[in-house]
C-alpha atoms as a PDB file:
ATOM      1  CA  MET A   1      94.710 118.076 104.270  1.00  0.00           C
ATOM      2  CA  ASP A   2      97.431 117.465 101.006  1.00  0.00           C
ATOM      3  CA  VAL A   3      96.343 118.837  97.092  1.00  0.00           C
ATOM      4  CA  LEU A   4      96.144 116.155  94.356  1.00  0.00           C
ATOM      5  CA  GLN A   5      98.947 117.497  91.776  1.00  0.00           C
ATOM      6  CA  LEU A   6      98.459 116.673  87.877  1.00  0.00           C
ATOM      7  CA  ASP A   7      99.851 117.446  85.465  1.00  0.00           C
ATOM      8  CA  ILE A   8      98.929 119.669  82.258  1.00  0.00           C
ATOM      9  CA  CYS A   9      96.800 116.262  81.077  1.00  0.00           C
ATOM     10  CA  GLY A  10      95.409 115.964  84.170  1.00  0.00           C
ATOM     11  CA  ARG A  11      97.300 112.525  85.584  1.00  0.00           C
ATOM     12  CA  PRO A  12      97.728 112.291  88.860  1.00  0.00           C
ATOM     13  CA  GLN A  13     101.668 113.556  89.888  1.00  0.00           C
ATOM     14  CA  ALA A  14     101.587 113.363  93.425  1.00  0.00           C
ATOM     15  CA  TRP A  15     100.661 114.728  96.922  1.00  0.00           C
ATOM     16  CA  ILE A  16     101.164 117.662  98.430  1.00  0.00           C
ATOM     17  CA  THR A  17     101.031 119.693 101.060  1.00  0.00           C
ATOM     18  CA  THR A  18      99.164 123.341 101.234  1.00  0.00           C
ATOM     19  CA  LYS A  19     102.489 125.341 101.228  1.00  0.00           C
ATOM     20  CA  GLU A  20     103.773 123.616  99.097  1.00  0.00           C
ATOM     21  CA  ALA A  21     100.244 124.270  96.200  1.00  0.00           C
ATOM     22  CA  ALA A  22     100.437 127.220  97.502  1.00  0.00           C
ATOM     23  CA  VAL A  23     104.304 128.122  96.046  1.00  0.00           C
ATOM     24  CA  ILE A  24     103.408 126.634  92.958  1.00  0.00           C
ATOM     25  CA  TYR A  25     100.028 129.709  92.301  1.00  0.00           C
ATOM     26  CA  ALA A  26     102.447 132.470  93.909  1.00  0.00           C
ATOM     27  CA  SER A  27     104.241 131.828  91.149  1.00  0.00           C
ATOM     28  CA  ASP A  28     102.213 131.063  88.333  1.00  0.00           C
ATOM     29  CA  GLY A  29     102.433 126.981  87.565  1.00  0.00           C
ATOM     30  CA  VAL A  30      98.884 126.719  88.189  1.00  0.00           C
ATOM     31  CA  ALA A  31      96.981 125.418  85.353  1.00  0.00           C
ATOM     32  CA  TRP A  32      93.605 124.912  85.846  1.00  0.00           C
ATOM     33  CA  THR A  33      92.248 123.573  89.523  1.00  0.00           C
ATOM     34  CA  LEU A  34      88.912 121.138  90.311  1.00  0.00           C
ATOM     35  CA  GLY A  35      86.923 121.271  93.196  1.00  0.00           C
ATOM     36  CA  GLN A  36      85.956 124.139  95.438  1.00  0.00           C
ATOM     37  CA  PRO A  37      88.759 125.742  97.537  1.00  0.00           C
ATOM     38  CA  CYS A  38      88.940 124.161 100.737  1.00  0.00           C
ATOM     39  CA  HIS A  39      91.835 125.883 102.181  1.00  0.00           C
ATOM     40  CA  VAL A  40      92.566 130.095 102.178  1.00  0.00           C
ATOM     41  CA  LEU A  41      95.952 131.241 103.009  1.00  0.00           C
ATOM     42  CA  ARG A  42      96.556 134.654 104.175  1.00  0.00           C
ATOM     43  CA  GLY A  43      99.762 136.798 102.898  1.00  0.00           C
ATOM     44  CA  GLY A  44     101.150 140.336 104.237  1.00  0.00           C
ATOM     45  CA  MET A  45      99.193 143.562 103.576  1.00  0.00           C
ATOM     46  CA  GLN A  46      99.917 144.599  99.656  1.00  0.00           C
ATOM     47  CA  ARG A  47     102.127 148.164  99.897  1.00  0.00           C
ATOM     48  CA  ARG A  48     100.003 149.108  96.205  1.00  0.00           C
ATOM     49  CA  THR A  49      96.303 148.726  97.319  1.00  0.00           C
ATOM     50  CA  GLY A  50      96.558 148.089 100.825  1.00  0.00           C
ATOM     51  CA  LEU A  51      94.992 144.768 100.713  1.00  0.00           C
ATOM     52  CA  GLN A  52      95.598 141.587 102.121  1.00  0.00           C
ATOM     53  CA  SER A  53      96.719 138.734  99.957  1.00  0.00           C
ATOM     54  CA  ARG A  54      95.216 135.820 100.246  1.00  0.00           C
ATOM     55  CA  ILE A  55      95.476 132.559  98.012  1.00  0.00           C
ATOM     56  CA  GLU A  56      92.697 129.966  97.990  1.00  0.00           C
ATOM     57  CA  VAL A  57      93.777 126.744  97.085  1.00  0.00           C
ATOM     58  CA  HIS A  58      91.894 124.114  96.014  1.00  0.00           C
ATOM     59  CA  PRO A  59      91.750 120.296  96.401  1.00  0.00           C
ATOM     60  CA  ILE A  60      93.127 119.325  93.211  1.00  0.00           C
ATOM     61  CA  ILE A  61      95.606 121.121  90.881  1.00  0.00           C
ATOM     62  CA  ALA A  62      97.556 121.152  87.403  1.00  0.00           C
ATOM     63  CA  VAL A  63     100.592 122.046  86.555  1.00  0.00           C
ATOM     64  CA  ARG A  64     101.672 123.763  83.722  1.00  0.00           C
ATOM     65  CA  GLY A  65     105.274 122.736  81.907  1.00  0.00           C
ATOM     66  CA  ALA A  66     107.298 120.297  82.880  1.00  0.00           C
ATOM     67  CA  ILE A  67     107.295 118.470  85.679  1.00  0.00           C
ATOM     68  CA  PRO A  68     109.166 114.582  86.768  1.00  0.00           C
ATOM     69  CA  SER A  69     106.134 112.341  85.958  1.00  0.00           C
ATOM     70  CA  ARG A  70     106.032 109.127  87.748  1.00  0.00           C
ATOM     71  CA  ALA A  71     103.476 108.210  85.329  1.00  0.00           C
ATOM     72  CA  TRP A  72     105.073 106.165  82.833  1.00  0.00           C
ATOM     73  CA  ARG A  73     106.310 103.201  85.860  1.00  0.00           C
ATOM     74  CA  GLN A  74     105.576 100.045  84.765  1.00  0.00           C
ATOM     75  CA  ALA A  75     103.991  99.126  87.911  1.00  0.00           C
ATOM     76  CA  PRO A  76     103.198 101.684  91.378  1.00  0.00           C
ATOM     77  CA  ALA A  77     105.878 100.740  94.011  1.00  0.00           C
ATOM     78  CA  LEU A  78     104.698  97.901  95.930  1.00  0.00           C
ATOM     79  CA  SER A  79     104.108  98.129 100.399  1.00  0.00           C
ATOM     80  CA  ASN A  80     102.566  96.653 102.573  1.00  0.00           C
ATOM     81  CA  PRO A  81      99.964  99.436 103.825  1.00  0.00           C
ATOM     82  CA  LYS A  82      99.051  99.776  99.709  1.00  0.00           C
ATOM     83  CA  LEU A  83      98.811  95.623  99.384  1.00  0.00           C
ATOM     84  CA  PHE A  84      95.932  95.473 101.553  1.00  0.00           C
ATOM     85  CA  VAL A  85      94.042  98.455 101.087  1.00  0.00           C
ATOM     86  CA  ARG A  86      93.184  96.975  97.549  1.00  0.00           C
ATOM     87  CA  ASP A  87      92.787  93.890  98.677  1.00  0.00           C
ATOM     88  CA  ARG A  88      90.355  95.036 101.018  1.00  0.00           C
ATOM     89  CA  HIS A  89      92.224  93.853 104.261  1.00  0.00           C
ATOM     90  CA  LEU A  90      90.671  90.299 103.688  1.00  0.00           C
ATOM     91  CA  CYS A  91      92.231  86.601 103.871  1.00  0.00           C
ATOM     92  CA  ALA A  92      92.424  85.809 100.026  1.00  0.00           C
ATOM     93  CA  TYR A  93      92.687  82.185 101.883  1.00  0.00           C
ATOM     94  CA  CYS A  94      90.289  81.821 104.710  1.00  0.00           C
ATOM     95  CA  GLY A  95      88.245  85.056 103.278  1.00  0.00           C
ATOM     96  CA  HIS A  96      88.234  87.155 106.922  1.00  0.00           C
ATOM     97  CA  HIS A  97      88.739  90.755 107.564  1.00  0.00           C
ATOM     98  CA  PHE A  98      91.738  91.429 109.431  1.00  0.00           C
ATOM     99  CA  HIS A  99      92.991  95.139 110.908  1.00  0.00           C
ATOM    100  CA  ALA A 100      96.328  95.864 109.502  1.00  0.00           C
ATOM    101  CA  ASP A 101      98.894  94.570 112.226  1.00  0.00           C
ATOM    102  CA  ASP A 102      97.145  90.912 111.420  1.00  0.00           C
ATOM    103  CA  LEU A 103      97.909  90.419 108.131  1.00  0.00           C
ATOM    104  CA  THR A 104     100.788  89.601 106.254  1.00  0.00           C
ATOM    105  CA  ARG A 105     102.196  90.030 102.589  1.00  0.00           C
ATOM    106  CA  GLU A 106     101.912  86.025 100.990  1.00  0.00           C
ATOM    107  CA  HIS A 107     104.085  85.130  97.825  1.00  0.00           C
ATOM    108  CA  ILE A 108     101.808  82.685  95.780  1.00  0.00           C
ATOM    109  CA  VAL A 109     104.914  81.529  94.206  1.00  0.00           C
ATOM    110  CA  PRO A 110     107.150  81.301  97.832  1.00  0.00           C
ATOM    111  CA  THR A 111     109.921  83.837  97.027  1.00  0.00           C
ATOM    112  CA  SER A 112     111.786  80.400  97.763  1.00  0.00           C
ATOM    113  CA  ARG A 113     110.435  79.259  94.766  1.00  0.00           C
ATOM    114  CA  GLY A 114     111.645  81.966  92.151  1.00  0.00           C
ATOM    115  CA  GLY A 115     108.629  83.719  93.086  1.00  0.00           C
ATOM    116  CA  ALA A 116     108.827  87.794  92.728  1.00  0.00           C
ATOM    117  CA  ASP A 117     108.166  89.964  95.109  1.00  0.00           C
ATOM    118  CA  SER A 118     105.533  91.957  92.393  1.00  0.00           C
ATOM    119  CA  TRP A 119     101.972  93.294  92.100  1.00  0.00           C
ATOM    120  CA  MET A 120     101.376  89.619  89.964  1.00  0.00           C
ATOM    121  CA  ASN A 121     102.650  87.482  93.058  1.00  0.00           C
ATOM    122  CA  CYS A 122     101.429  88.860  95.719  1.00  0.00           C
ATOM    123  CA  ILE A 123      98.201  88.875  98.190  1.00  0.00           C
ATOM    124  CA  THR A 124      96.948  89.507 101.479  1.00  0.00           C
ATOM    125  CA  ALA A 125      96.905  86.932 104.148  1.00  0.00           C
ATOM    126  CA  CYS A 126      96.112  86.479 107.941  1.00  0.00           C
ATOM    127  CA  ARG A 127      99.831  85.558 109.762  1.00  0.00           C
ATOM    128  CA  SER A 128      97.356  81.788 110.798  1.00  0.00           C
ATOM    129  CA  CYS A 129      97.312  80.760 106.553  1.00  0.00           C
ATOM    130  CA  ASN A 130     100.740  82.491 105.879  1.00  0.00           C
ATOM    131  CA  GLY A 131     102.289  80.460 107.692  1.00  0.00           C
ATOM    132  CA  ARG A 132      99.472  77.058 107.035  1.00  0.00           C
ATOM    133  CA  LYS A 133     100.335  77.400 103.396  1.00  0.00           C
ATOM    134  CA  GLY A 134     104.418  78.296 104.366  1.00  0.00           C
ATOM    135  CA  SER A 135     106.970  77.394 101.461  1.00  0.00           C
ATOM    136  CA  ARG A 136     104.965  75.720  99.609  1.00  0.00           C
ATOM    137  CA  MET A 137     102.904  76.612  96.519  1.00  0.00           C
ATOM    138  CA  PRO A 138      99.144  76.885  96.548  1.00  0.00           C
ATOM    139  CA  GLU A 139      97.496  73.487  95.381  1.00  0.00           C
ATOM    140  CA  GLU A 140     100.240  71.756  96.826  1.00  0.00           C
ATOM    141  CA  ALA A 141      98.549  73.081 100.628  1.00  0.00           C
ATOM    142  CA  HIS A 142      94.827  73.077  99.237  1.00  0.00           C
ATOM    143  CA  MET A 143      94.536  76.302  99.769  1.00  0.00           C
ATOM    144  CA  SER A 144      92.660  77.740  96.668  1.00  0.00           C
ATOM    145  CA  LEU A 145      92.283  81.813  96.054  1.00  0.00           C
ATOM    146  CA  LEU A 146      89.278  83.445  96.687  1.00  0.00           C
ATOM    147  CA  TYR A 147      90.132  86.871  94.685  1.00  0.00           C
ATOM    148  CA  LEU A 148      92.897  87.358  92.019  1.00  0.00           C
ATOM    149  CA  PRO A 149      95.765  89.903  92.468  1.00  0.00           C
ATOM    150  CA  TYR A 150      96.516  92.941  90.436  1.00  0.00           C
ATOM    151  CA  VAL A 151      98.818  95.494  88.836  1.00  0.00           C
ATOM    152  CA  PRO A 152      97.104  99.235  90.153  1.00  0.00           C
ATOM    153  CA  SER A 153      96.004 101.761  87.797  1.00  0.00           C
ATOM    154  CA  LEU A 154      98.810 105.369  88.433  1.00  0.00           C
ATOM    155  CA  HIS A 155      94.960 106.398  90.091  1.00  0.00           C
ATOM    156  CA  GLU A 156      94.332 103.144  91.991  1.00  0.00           C
ATOM    157  CA  ASP A 157      98.104 103.711  93.103  1.00  0.00           C
ATOM    158  CA  MET A 158      97.316 107.787  94.459  1.00  0.00           C
ATOM    159  CA  ILE A 159      94.331 106.360  96.288  1.00  0.00           C
ATOM    160  CA  LEU A 160      96.099 103.058  97.711  1.00  0.00           C
ATOM    161  CA  ARG A 161      98.527 105.537  99.354  1.00  0.00           C
ATOM    162  CA  GLY A 162      96.690 105.738 102.570  1.00  0.00           C
ATOM    163  CA  ARG A 163      96.268 109.546 102.719  1.00  0.00           C
ATOM    164  CA  ARG A 164      93.189 111.690 103.944  1.00  0.00           C
ATOM    165  CA  ILE A 165      91.139 112.055 100.725  1.00  0.00           C
ATOM    166  CA  LEU A 166      88.512 115.007 100.316  1.00  0.00           C
ATOM    167  CA  ALA A 167      85.850 114.170  98.442  1.00  0.00           C
ATOM    168  CA  ASP A 168      86.072 115.824  95.154  1.00  0.00           C
ATOM    169  CA  GLN A 169      89.716 114.100  94.857  1.00  0.00           C
ATOM    170  CA  MET A 170      88.685 111.316  95.132  1.00  0.00           C
ATOM    171  CA  GLU A 171      85.348 111.325  92.031  1.00  0.00           C
ATOM    172  CA  PHE A 172      87.919 113.100  90.622  1.00  0.00           C
ATOM    173  CA  LEU A 173      90.444 109.508  90.679  1.00  0.00           C
ATOM    174  CA  LEU A 174      87.356 107.050  90.885  1.00  0.00           C
ATOM    175  CA  ALA A 175      86.173 108.627  87.724  1.00  0.00           C
ATOM    176  CA  SER A 176      89.949 106.680  85.551  1.00  0.00           C
ATOM    177  CA  VAL A 177      89.687 103.578  86.805  1.00  0.00           C
ATOM    178  CA  PRO A 178      88.611 100.367  86.170  1.00  0.00           C
ATOM    179  CA  ARG A 179      85.370  99.062  87.010  1.00  0.00           C
ATOM    180  CA  ASN A 180      86.458  96.184  87.878  1.00  0.00           C
ATOM    181  CA  SER A 181      88.902  97.562  90.254  1.00  0.00           C
ATOM    182  CA  ARG A 182      88.856  96.106  94.408  1.00  0.00           C
ATOM    183  CA  LEU A 183      88.181 100.340  95.086  1.00  0.00           C
ATOM    184  CA  HIS A 184      84.831 101.083  93.302  1.00  0.00           C
ATOM    185  CA  GLY A 185      83.047  99.442  96.390  1.00  0.00           C
END
């Protein structure tokens, strides 16, 4: 299980392990938390009190101070797994649902014709439709798009990374995802 690390303002920064979170707790670097504790780490016996040390890790932690932020990037990094999740594993041309192994990254404007490898020029297509379109424009191939591409927000990107997300984490992230996002259902 991973912990969602935020900056002090509540912007998602990274998915970290519970051990990485425990280091932040132990160094008094946690500013605030959300959700019920999801993991308890136990340490040694404290000499002064005779009690066993323990750290309760919450699913969402905000970290004090300045941490390297990826929040200021113009767009999240594009990858096939994230693209397929953004497009719900649906081919943009035939509309059928496919397993990730049967999907491809399709460039609306082919790279051979100057198209960029970007969120706004890439959609999910099945192998058959991608092969049929080839290096033509959709209009030239008489294939229309069933949905349009978009650039995911920072919160959507954290969801698209394919982690096992706890309910508290998903609720927090979805609260900042635009209502028109395909991630809403």
